[in-house]
Amino acid sequence: MQANELDNYKIELGECIHKMRKTQGHKVRPFAMLADIEHHQLINIEKGRVDLRVSTLIKICNALDILPKQLLAAAFDNGSVFPDPEVDK
């Protein structure tokens, strides 16, 4: 996997988090507090500037009241970045 492909995934995930946060009416600082992360960290995640740790992803999902798999599916076209196990049969 190329570095720019990884960057694209980070950007897509960050944009999805941003969109979900805004849709739920959360502003940056209150949402960051709700997710128990620093507001600058949230901004960097939403802009796709950082690699997201699983623990941080879970905190963000908890604050959005969704499951991590729901966020990943929404960010990556219903999980299409993952191989379909049925295709390989």
N, C-alpha and C. Protein backbone atom coordinates (compact mmCIF):
# COMPACT_ATOMS: atom_id res chain seq x y z
N MET A 1 0.84 -1.17 0.00
CA MET A 1 0.00 0.00 0.00
C MET A 1 0.89 1.24 0.00
N GLN A 2 0.60 2.16 -0.87
CA GLN A 2 1.37 3.38 -1.01
C GLN A 2 1.06 4.36 0.12
N ALA A 3 2.02 5.20 0.45
CA ALA A 3 1.84 6.19 1.51
C ALA A 3 0.68 7.12 1.20
N ASN A 4 0.56 7.56 -0.05
CA ASN A 4 -0.53 8.48 -0.38
C ASN A 4 -1.89 7.80 -0.30
N GLU A 5 -1.92 6.47 -0.50
CA GLU A 5 -3.17 5.73 -0.34
C GLU A 5 -3.57 5.71 1.14
N LEU A 6 -2.58 5.52 2.02
CA LEU A 6 -2.84 5.56 3.45
C LEU A 6 -3.32 6.95 3.87
N ASP A 7 -2.69 7.98 3.31
CA ASP A 7 -3.12 9.35 3.61
C ASP A 7 -4.57 9.57 3.19
N ASN A 8 -4.95 9.01 2.04
CA ASN A 8 -6.34 9.16 1.57
C ASN A 8 -7.31 8.52 2.55
N TYR A 9 -6.95 7.36 3.10
CA TYR A 9 -7.82 6.70 4.07
C TYR A 9 -7.95 7.56 5.33
N LYS A 10 -6.84 8.13 5.79
CA LYS A 10 -6.89 8.99 6.97
C LYS A 10 -7.78 10.21 6.72
N ILE A 11 -7.67 10.78 5.54
CA ILE A 11 -8.48 11.95 5.19
C ILE A 11 -9.96 11.57 5.12
N GLU A 12 -10.28 10.45 4.48
CA GLU A 12 -11.68 10.01 4.39
C GLU A 12 -12.28 9.75 5.77
N LEU A 13 -11.52 9.08 6.63
CA LEU A 13 -12.01 8.81 7.97
C LEU A 13 -12.20 10.11 8.75
N GLY A 14 -11.25 11.00 8.65
CA GLY A 14 -11.36 12.30 9.34
C GLY A 14 -12.55 13.10 8.86
N GLU A 15 -12.78 13.11 7.56
CA GLU A 15 -13.93 13.83 7.01
C GLU A 15 -15.24 13.23 7.50
N CYS A 16 -15.27 11.92 7.61
CA CYS A 16 -16.47 11.25 8.11
C CYS A 16 -16.73 11.60 9.56
N ILE A 17 -15.69 11.60 10.38
CA ILE A 17 -15.83 11.98 11.79
C ILE A 17 -16.33 13.41 11.89
N HIS A 18 -15.74 14.29 11.10
CA HIS A 18 -16.16 15.70 11.09
C HIS A 18 -17.63 15.83 10.72
N LYS A 19 -18.04 15.15 9.68
CA LYS A 19 -19.42 15.23 9.20
C LYS A 19 -20.39 14.70 10.26
N MET A 20 -20.05 13.57 10.88
CA MET A 20 -20.92 13.01 11.92
C MET A 20 -21.01 13.93 13.13
N ARG A 21 -19.87 14.49 13.51
CA ARG A 21 -19.86 15.42 14.65
C ARG A 21 -20.74 16.61 14.38
N LYS A 22 -20.59 17.20 13.19
CA LYS A 22 -21.37 18.39 12.83
C LYS A 22 -22.86 18.05 12.70
N THR A 23 -23.16 16.88 12.14
CA THR A 23 -24.55 16.46 11.98
C THR A 23 -25.24 16.33 13.34
N GLN A 24 -24.48 15.89 14.33
CA GLN A 24 -25.03 15.75 15.68
C GLN A 24 -25.04 17.07 16.45
N GLY A 25 -24.51 18.13 15.82
CA GLY A 25 -24.55 19.46 16.43
C GLY A 25 -23.46 19.74 17.44
N HIS A 26 -22.39 18.95 17.41
CA HIS A 26 -21.29 19.14 18.36
C HIS A 26 -20.27 20.14 17.82
N LYS A 27 -19.82 21.05 18.67
CA LYS A 27 -18.70 21.93 18.36
C LYS A 27 -17.41 21.20 18.78
N VAL A 28 -16.28 21.68 18.26
CA VAL A 28 -15.01 20.98 18.46
C VAL A 28 -14.66 20.78 19.93
N ARG A 29 -14.56 21.85 20.69
CA ARG A 29 -14.10 21.73 22.08
C ARG A 29 -15.03 20.88 22.96
N PRO A 30 -16.35 21.13 22.93
CA PRO A 30 -17.22 20.28 23.76
C PRO A 30 -17.18 18.81 23.34
N PHE A 31 -17.09 18.56 22.04
CA PHE A 31 -17.03 17.18 21.58
C PHE A 31 -15.72 16.52 22.01
N ALA A 32 -14.62 17.24 21.90
CA ALA A 32 -13.33 16.70 22.33
C ALA A 32 -13.38 16.34 23.82
N MET A 33 -14.01 17.19 24.61
CA MET A 33 -14.15 16.89 26.04
C MET A 33 -15.01 15.64 26.23
N LEU A 34 -16.09 15.54 25.48
CA LEU A 34 -16.97 14.38 25.56
C LEU A 34 -16.22 13.10 25.20
N ALA A 35 -15.34 13.19 24.20
CA ALA A 35 -14.57 12.03 23.75
C ALA A 35 -13.30 11.81 24.58
N ASP A 36 -13.03 12.72 25.50
CA ASP A 36 -11.85 12.64 26.37
C ASP A 36 -10.55 12.68 25.56
N ILE A 37 -10.52 13.60 24.59
CA ILE A 37 -9.29 13.85 23.82
C ILE A 37 -9.08 15.36 23.76
N GLU A 38 -7.89 15.77 23.39
CA GLU A 38 -7.59 17.20 23.26
C GLU A 38 -8.24 17.74 21.98
N HIS A 39 -8.70 18.99 22.03
CA HIS A 39 -9.38 19.55 20.86
C HIS A 39 -8.46 19.64 19.64
N HIS A 40 -7.18 19.93 19.87
CA HIS A 40 -6.25 20.00 18.74
C HIS A 40 -6.03 18.62 18.12
N GLN A 41 -6.12 17.58 18.96
CA GLN A 41 -6.01 16.22 18.45
C GLN A 41 -7.21 15.91 17.55
N LEU A 42 -8.40 16.31 17.97
CA LEU A 42 -9.60 16.10 17.17
C LEU A 42 -9.49 16.83 15.83
N ILE A 43 -9.02 18.05 15.86
CA ILE A 43 -8.86 18.82 14.62
C ILE A 43 -7.90 18.10 13.68
N ASN A 44 -6.78 17.63 14.20
CA ASN A 44 -5.80 16.93 13.36
C ASN A 44 -6.36 15.61 12.82
N ILE A 45 -7.16 14.92 13.60
CA ILE A 45 -7.80 13.69 13.13
C ILE A 45 -8.77 14.00 12.01
N GLU A 46 -9.61 15.01 12.22
CA GLU A 46 -10.60 15.36 11.21
C GLU A 46 -9.97 15.84 9.91
N LYS A 47 -8.78 16.38 9.98
CA LYS A 47 -8.08 16.82 8.78
C LYS A 47 -7.20 15.74 8.18
N GLY A 48 -7.17 14.56 8.80
CA GLY A 48 -6.40 13.43 8.28
C GLY A 48 -4.91 13.60 8.44
N ARG A 49 -4.49 14.37 9.42
CA ARG A 49 -3.06 14.66 9.62
C ARG A 49 -2.34 13.63 10.47
N VAL A 50 -3.09 12.80 11.19
CA VAL A 50 -2.46 11.87 12.13
C VAL A 50 -2.99 10.46 11.94
N ASP A 51 -2.18 9.48 12.35
CA ASP A 51 -2.66 8.10 12.41
C ASP A 51 -3.49 7.97 13.68
N LEU A 52 -4.65 7.40 13.53
CA LEU A 52 -5.59 7.29 14.62
C LEU A 52 -5.38 5.98 15.38
N ARG A 53 -5.17 6.09 16.69
CA ARG A 53 -5.05 4.88 17.52
C ARG A 53 -6.43 4.27 17.72
N VAL A 54 -6.46 2.98 17.90
CA VAL A 54 -7.74 2.29 18.11
C VAL A 54 -8.44 2.84 19.35
N SER A 55 -7.70 3.09 20.40
CA SER A 55 -8.30 3.61 21.63
C SER A 55 -8.96 4.97 21.39
N THR A 56 -8.34 5.80 20.58
CA THR A 56 -8.91 7.11 20.27
C THR A 56 -10.13 6.96 19.37
N LEU A 57 -10.07 6.04 18.42
CA LEU A 57 -11.21 5.76 17.56
C LEU A 57 -12.41 5.33 18.40
N ILE A 58 -12.18 4.49 19.38
CA ILE A 58 -13.27 4.02 20.24
C ILE A 58 -13.83 5.17 21.07
N LYS A 59 -12.98 6.04 21.58
CA LYS A 59 -13.46 7.20 22.34
C LYS A 59 -14.34 8.09 21.47
N ILE A 60 -13.92 8.32 20.24
CA ILE A 60 -14.70 9.15 19.32
C ILE A 60 -16.03 8.48 19.00
N CYS A 61 -16.00 7.20 18.76
CA CYS A 61 -17.24 6.47 18.47
C CYS A 61 -18.19 6.50 19.66
N ASN A 62 -17.66 6.34 20.86
CA ASN A 62 -18.50 6.42 22.05
C ASN A 62 -19.15 7.79 22.16
N ALA A 63 -18.40 8.84 21.87
CA ALA A 63 -18.94 10.19 21.93
C ALA A 63 -20.00 10.41 20.85
N LEU A 64 -19.84 9.75 19.71
CA LEU A 64 -20.83 9.84 18.63
C LEU A 64 -21.99 8.87 18.84
N ASP A 65 -21.87 8.00 19.84
CA ASP A 65 -22.87 6.98 20.14
C ASP A 65 -23.07 6.02 18.96
N ILE A 66 -21.94 5.60 18.38
CA ILE A 66 -21.96 4.62 17.30
C ILE A 66 -20.88 3.57 17.57
N LEU A 67 -20.95 2.47 16.86
CA LEU A 67 -19.92 1.44 16.95
C LEU A 67 -18.78 1.77 15.98
N PRO A 68 -17.56 1.37 16.31
CA PRO A 68 -16.45 1.61 15.40
C PRO A 68 -16.71 1.07 13.99
N LYS A 69 -17.33 -0.10 13.90
CA LYS A 69 -17.59 -0.66 12.57
C LYS A 69 -18.57 0.21 11.78
N GLN A 70 -19.47 0.92 12.46
CA GLN A 70 -20.39 1.82 11.77
C GLN A 70 -19.64 3.02 11.21
N LEU A 71 -18.69 3.54 11.98
CA LEU A 71 -17.89 4.66 11.50
C LEU A 71 -17.05 4.24 10.31
N LEU A 72 -16.40 3.09 10.42
CA LEU A 72 -15.55 2.62 9.33
C LEU A 72 -16.37 2.34 8.07
N ALA A 73 -17.54 1.75 8.24
CA ALA A 73 -18.40 1.49 7.09
C ALA A 73 -18.84 2.79 6.44
N ALA A 74 -19.20 3.77 7.25
CA ALA A 74 -19.62 5.06 6.69
C ALA A 74 -18.46 5.76 5.99
N ALA A 75 -17.28 5.66 6.56
CA ALA A 75 -16.12 6.34 5.99
C ALA A 75 -15.63 5.68 4.71
N PHE A 76 -15.76 4.37 4.64
CA PHE A 76 -15.18 3.64 3.51
C PHE A 76 -16.23 2.91 2.70
N ASP A 77 -17.30 3.61 2.40
CA ASP A 77 -18.31 3.09 1.48
C ASP A 77 -18.81 1.72 1.91
N ASN A 78 -19.31 1.67 3.14
CA ASN A 78 -19.86 0.43 3.69
C ASN A 78 -18.84 -0.70 3.74
N GLY A 79 -17.61 -0.35 4.05
CA GLY A 79 -16.58 -1.37 4.27
C GLY A 79 -15.94 -1.90 3.01
N SER A 80 -16.12 -1.22 1.88
CA SER A 80 -15.61 -1.76 0.62
C SER A 80 -14.09 -1.82 0.55
N VAL A 81 -13.38 -1.16 1.46
CA VAL A 81 -11.92 -1.26 1.45
C VAL A 81 -11.46 -2.60 2.00
N PHE A 82 -12.37 -3.33 2.62
CA PHE A 82 -12.04 -4.64 3.15
C PHE A 82 -12.46 -5.70 2.14
N PRO A 83 -11.66 -6.73 1.95
CA PRO A 83 -12.03 -7.78 1.00
C PRO A 83 -13.34 -8.45 1.41
N ASP A 84 -14.13 -8.78 0.45
CA ASP A 84 -15.38 -9.49 0.70
C ASP A 84 -15.07 -10.98 0.77
N PRO A 85 -15.28 -11.61 1.93
CA PRO A 85 -14.92 -13.03 2.06
C PRO A 85 -15.70 -13.91 1.09
N GLU A 86 -16.86 -13.49 0.66
CA GLU A 86 -17.66 -14.27 -0.28
C GLU A 86 -17.05 -14.30 -1.67
N VAL A 87 -16.30 -13.27 -2.03
CA VAL A 87 -15.69 -13.18 -3.36
C VAL A 87 -14.61 -14.24 -3.53
N ASP A 88 -13.89 -14.57 -2.47
CA ASP A 88 -12.78 -15.51 -2.56
C ASP A 88 -13.22 -16.98 -2.56
N LYS A 89 -14.51 -17.22 -2.40
CA LYS A 89 -14.98 -18.62 -2.36
C LYS A 89 -15.14 -19.20 -3.73
